[in-house]
Structures are given as C-alpha cells and as structure tokens.
Protein backbone atom coordinates (compact mmCIF):
# COMPACT_ATOMS: atom_id res chain seq x y z
CA UNK A 1 23.02 -7.82 4.88
CA UNK A 2 21.71 -8.94 8.26
CA UNK A 3 22.37 -5.48 9.67
CA UNK A 4 20.12 -3.99 6.94
CA UNK A 5 17.20 -6.17 8.03
CA UNK A 6 17.94 -5.53 11.70
CA UNK A 7 17.74 -1.81 10.97
CA UNK A 8 14.53 -2.29 9.00
CA UNK A 9 12.93 -4.21 11.86
CA UNK A 10 13.96 -1.52 14.34
CA UNK A 11 12.60 1.31 12.17
CA UNK A 12 9.31 -0.54 11.58
CA UNK A 13 8.83 -0.70 15.32
CA UNK A 14 10.00 2.85 15.98
CA UNK A 15 8.07 4.61 13.20
CA UNK A 16 4.88 2.57 12.89
CA UNK A 17 4.74 0.37 16.00
CA UNK A 18 4.95 -2.69 13.73
CA UNK A 19 6.40 -5.71 15.53
CA UNK A 20 7.57 -8.02 12.76
CA UNK A 21 7.42 -11.73 13.46
CA UNK A 22 10.00 -14.12 12.04
CA UNK A 23 7.64 -15.52 9.41
CA UNK A 24 6.59 -12.05 8.26
CA UNK A 25 10.18 -10.87 7.98
CA UNK A 26 11.11 -13.99 6.01
CA UNK A 27 8.33 -13.29 3.50
CA UNK A 28 9.33 -9.64 3.15
CA UNK A 29 12.96 -10.62 2.54
CA UNK A 30 11.83 -13.08 -0.13
CA UNK A 31 9.68 -10.37 -1.71
CA UNK A 32 12.70 -8.07 -2.01
CA UNK A 33 14.79 -10.87 -3.55
CA UNK A 34 12.09 -11.45 -6.18
CA UNK A 35 11.85 -7.73 -6.85
CA UNK A 36 15.59 -7.42 -7.37
CA UNK A 37 15.64 -10.43 -9.71
CA UNK A 38 12.70 -9.24 -11.83
CA UNK A 39 14.04 -5.67 -11.96
CA UNK A 40 16.88 -6.97 -14.13
CA UNK A 41 14.25 -7.62 -16.82
CA UNK A 42 11.59 -4.97 -16.27
CA UNK A 43 11.69 -1.57 -14.57
CA UNK A 44 9.79 -2.10 -11.32
CA UNK A 45 11.33 0.50 -8.98
CA UNK A 46 13.58 3.52 -9.40
CA UNK A 47 15.82 2.68 -6.45
CA UNK A 48 19.23 1.45 -7.52
CA UNK A 49 20.21 -0.82 -4.63
CA UNK A 50 18.74 -3.43 -2.32
CA UNK A 51 19.27 -1.09 0.62
CA UNK A 52 17.25 1.67 -1.08
CA UNK A 53 14.44 -0.77 -1.83
CA UNK A 54 14.28 -1.85 1.82
CA UNK A 55 14.68 1.55 3.51
CA UNK A 56 12.71 3.57 0.96
CA UNK A 57 9.97 1.47 -0.63
CA UNK A 58 9.46 -1.43 1.77
CA UNK A 59 9.66 0.61 4.97
CA UNK A 60 7.32 3.25 3.57
CA UNK A 61 4.84 0.49 2.69
CA UNK A 62 4.41 -0.32 6.38
CA UNK A 63 3.12 3.21 7.11
CA UNK A 64 -0.58 2.38 6.49
CA UNK A 65 -0.40 -0.02 9.43
CA UNK A 66 -0.23 3.03 11.70
CA UNK A 67 -3.74 4.17 10.70
CA UNK A 68 -5.37 1.13 9.06
CA UNK A 69 -8.59 0.06 10.78
CA UNK A 70 -9.56 -3.58 11.22
CA UNK A 71 -10.98 -4.53 7.81
CA UNK A 72 -11.78 -7.77 6.02
CA UNK A 73 -11.07 -6.43 2.51
CA UNK A 74 -8.46 -3.94 1.34
CA UNK A 75 -7.72 -2.66 -2.19
CA UNK A 76 -4.34 -1.33 -3.34
CA UNK A 77 -4.84 0.81 -6.45
CA UNK A 78 -1.89 1.04 -8.86
CA UNK A 79 -0.06 -1.71 -7.00
CA UNK A 80 2.83 -1.70 -9.49
CA UNK A 81 5.82 -3.43 -7.89
CA UNK A 82 3.67 -4.46 -4.92
CA UNK A 83 4.02 -1.41 -2.68
CA UNK A 84 2.22 -1.23 -0.33
CA UNK A 85 -0.14 -4.12 -1.19
CA UNK A 86 2.24 -7.07 -0.79
CA UNK A 87 3.63 -5.98 2.62
CA UNK A 88 0.10 -5.24 3.84
CA UNK A 89 -1.03 -8.70 2.72
CA UNK A 90 1.87 -10.22 4.67
CA UNK A 91 1.01 -8.25 7.81
CA UNK A 92 -2.77 -8.78 7.57
CA UNK A 93 -3.36 -12.47 6.78
CA UNK A 94 -6.98 -12.21 7.92
CA UNK A 95 -7.84 -9.58 5.31
CA UNK A 96 -8.45 -10.12 1.61
CA UNK A 97 -6.06 -7.81 -0.27
CA UNK A 98 -6.87 -6.82 -3.86
CA UNK A 99 -3.87 -5.73 -5.96
CA UNK A 100 -5.14 -3.55 -8.81
CA UNK A 101 -2.61 -3.14 -11.64
CA UNK A 102 -3.36 -2.53 -15.33
CA UNK A 103 0.11 -3.18 -16.77
CA UNK A 104 0.62 -6.76 -17.96
CA UNK A 105 4.25 -7.28 -16.95
CA UNK A 106 3.75 -5.82 -13.50
CA UNK A 107 0.62 -7.90 -13.02
CA UNK A 108 2.64 -10.99 -13.96
CA UNK A 109 5.25 -10.05 -11.39
CA UNK A 110 2.60 -9.61 -8.70
CA UNK A 111 1.09 -13.01 -9.50
CA UNK A 112 4.54 -14.58 -9.21
CA UNK A 113 5.07 -12.94 -5.82
CA UNK A 114 1.65 -14.05 -4.55
CA UNK A 115 2.43 -17.65 -5.57
CA UNK A 116 6.01 -17.62 -4.27
CA UNK A 117 5.04 -16.19 -0.88
CA UNK A 118 1.90 -18.37 -0.63
CA UNK A 119 -0.23 -15.28 -0.04
CA UNK A 120 -3.61 -16.96 -0.20
CA UNK A 121 -5.26 -13.71 0.97
CA UNK A 122 -4.00 -11.66 -2.00
CA UNK A 123 -5.59 -11.45 -5.47
CA UNK A 124 -4.16 -9.69 -8.53
CA UNK A 125 -6.61 -7.87 -10.82
CA UNK A 126 -5.17 -6.88 -14.21
CA UNK A 127 -7.47 -3.96 -14.91
CA UNK A 128 -7.53 -0.19 -14.88
CA UNK A 129 -8.46 1.12 -11.44
CA UNK A 130 -11.45 3.11 -12.68
CA UNK A 131 -12.94 -0.03 -14.23
CA UNK A 132 -12.54 -2.37 -11.25
CA UNK A 133 -15.63 -3.22 -9.25
CA UNK A 134 -15.48 -5.76 -6.41
CA UNK A 135 -18.21 -8.23 -5.66
CA UNK A 136 -18.84 -6.50 -2.33
CA UNK A 137 -17.98 -3.18 -0.71
CA UNK A 138 -14.38 -2.71 0.41
CA UNK A 139 -13.40 -1.69 3.92
CA UNK A 140 -10.32 0.32 2.93
CA UNK A 141 -8.54 1.61 -0.17
CA UNK A 142 -4.87 2.59 -0.31
CA UNK A 143 -2.61 3.96 -3.02
CA UNK A 144 1.05 4.93 -2.81
CA UNK A 145 1.74 6.44 -6.22
CA UNK A 146 -1.59 8.16 -6.90
CA UNK A 147 -2.53 11.76 -6.11
CA UNK A 148 -4.94 12.05 -3.19
CA UNK A 149 -7.82 13.57 -5.17
CA UNK A 150 -7.51 10.97 -7.93
CA UNK A 151 -7.38 8.15 -5.38
CA UNK A 152 -10.45 9.55 -3.64
CA UNK A 153 -12.39 9.51 -6.90
CA UNK A 154 -11.41 5.89 -7.53
CA UNK A 155 -12.26 4.85 -3.98
CA UNK A 156 -15.75 6.35 -3.64
CA UNK A 157 -17.57 3.81 -5.86
CA UNK A 158 -16.05 0.74 -4.19
CA UNK A 159 -15.81 1.66 -0.52
CA UNK A 160 -18.37 0.61 2.09
CA UNK A 161 -20.55 3.48 3.45
CA UNK A 162 -18.07 4.25 6.26
CA UNK A 163 -15.00 2.76 4.59
CA UNK A 164 -11.50 4.21 4.93
CA UNK A 165 -9.28 5.91 2.37
CA UNK A 166 -5.57 5.63 3.19
CA UNK A 167 -3.45 8.31 1.50
CA UNK A 168 0.35 8.04 1.39
CA UNK A 169 2.30 11.16 0.45
CA UNK A 170 5.15 13.50 1.25
CA UNK A 171 4.27 15.69 4.22
CA UNK A 172 2.10 18.66 3.21
CA UNK A 173 1.96 22.09 4.85
CA UNK A 174 -1.82 22.48 4.55
CA UNK A 175 -4.53 19.85 4.35
CA UNK A 176 -6.68 19.91 1.21
CA UNK A 177 -10.25 18.58 1.64
CA UNK A 178 -11.16 15.50 -0.39
CA UNK A 179 -14.68 15.42 -1.80
CA UNK A 180 -16.75 12.69 -0.17
CA UNK A 181 -14.34 12.12 2.73
CA UNK A 182 -13.62 13.38 6.25
CA UNK A 183 -10.10 13.38 7.67
CA UNK A 184 -9.74 11.12 10.73
CA UNK A 185 -6.02 10.71 11.41
CA UNK A 186 -2.56 11.66 10.18
CA UNK A 187 0.79 10.15 11.12
CA UNK A 188 3.98 11.90 10.03
CA UNK A 189 7.36 10.21 9.88
CA UNK A 190 10.87 10.53 8.47
CA UNK A 191 12.38 7.89 6.24
CA UNK A 192 16.15 7.34 6.15
CA UNK A 193 17.63 10.21 4.17
CA UNK A 194 15.46 12.67 6.13
CA UNK A 195 12.47 12.40 3.79
CA UNK A 196 9.35 13.71 5.58
CA UNK A 197 6.28 11.67 4.72
CA UNK A 198 2.80 11.16 6.14
CA UNK A 199 -0.05 8.69 5.96
CA UNK A 200 -3.62 9.92 6.40
CA UNK A 201 -6.88 8.08 7.01
CA UNK A 202 -10.14 9.51 5.71
CA UNK A 203 -13.65 8.19 6.35
CA UNK A 204 -16.11 7.98 3.49
CA UNK A 205 -18.90 10.50 4.04
CA UNK A 206 -20.55 10.78 0.64
CA UNK A 207 -21.17 9.11 -2.71
CA UNK A 208 -19.52 9.61 -6.09
CA UNK A 209 -22.41 11.71 -7.45
CA UNK A 210 -21.89 14.27 -4.66
CA UNK A 211 -18.58 15.27 -6.23
CA UNK A 212 -20.05 16.09 -9.63
CA UNK A 213 -22.92 18.33 -8.63
C-alpha cells in the first residue's frame, strides 16, 4: 500500500508540480479510507479498487492546482464524492472552499469528511447548483463531472468580475468557446492507463445576460 502512495506522490509532482507535505498526504489518505468505507453503503465512485480511486479520481483532482490562481474563495459544483473539492481544500487551507451537492446522502458524506479531516475552510451546501448564491463573489469555480458549457452557465452569476472558471475534461481536439469567458491556460496530462485529460482556466469576461441575447 505504501508503494501506491509513493507513486501517487511522485505523479502529483511530475504531472502538476504539486509537492505534497506529510500532513496533506495524511489527510488525503484518510479521505480515501472514508470514501472506501462509505462506498460499501452508497455508490460514491465507479472505480472498483482503492488503487483506481487513488490513481484515477484523487490524482485527477489535483489537476486544477496547475492552473488555479490565488483565490480566497473557491466553489466546487456537483462535488459528489468530494472530487476535486476535498483535495483542493486540503491543498489550499487559506481559501474558503464551497462544496455544492444537491443529493442528501452525498452531502452527508461530504460533511462527515469535512469533520473527520478538520477542514475548517470547507463548507458543504446541500442545494442544486443553479440555486446556490454565495454571500460574496467567488474567485474561482471548478467542476469535474459537469459539461463545460453547463458549468460556465452556473459560474457566471457567482463569479467575481474577473473570476476564473476551471474546466476538467478529457483532452479535446478543438477548443469550443464558452459564452462569457476567455481562455487563459490549458494543461494536458496523462493519467495511469494512458487516459489523456486536460484542465483549462477561463477568465470571466461577461455577465449571464450576455449569453441569452
């Protein structure tokens, strides 16, 4: 098992230039243990083994770190099993991380993780993404399991005027413009199993009404 985490640490550094500290790695390991335990009761992830969870879901969740600007508030829409919101909360203790998840059982799981890992910077919101409105503008929005155009529509009303949209997806051959946003950066990478993925950062350059005229 130690070799799995050694490999994870090495890939985090190689793919995303993420240098994991001992305390961060300990929290991520605990997160995976909780995920495995809860998955015996509710369907949280499709991966069938601990190794798949670590090398597929957890590693992929570090990708936003390669393009994420310095922000004080970050929202993860459709947080589900906690990817990428929980890892990002672990790696960015100075940022308030909002985990947006409408499903009751998954929200309960996220609350349990936040308590167990003592993530004082993370807050779970049990609400549909389109209905969530923060008390102040958000510096960045991310979503791992939401189509880019849908995520863009959800992000426009809550992002600060020059806030960032972080899109996670399988590598695409041609970039499709997102209404209200300008592309700033793309990082491509290969996960174990030769899966080609990319993470893209867009800057907000419009308002929601611009996309319906």
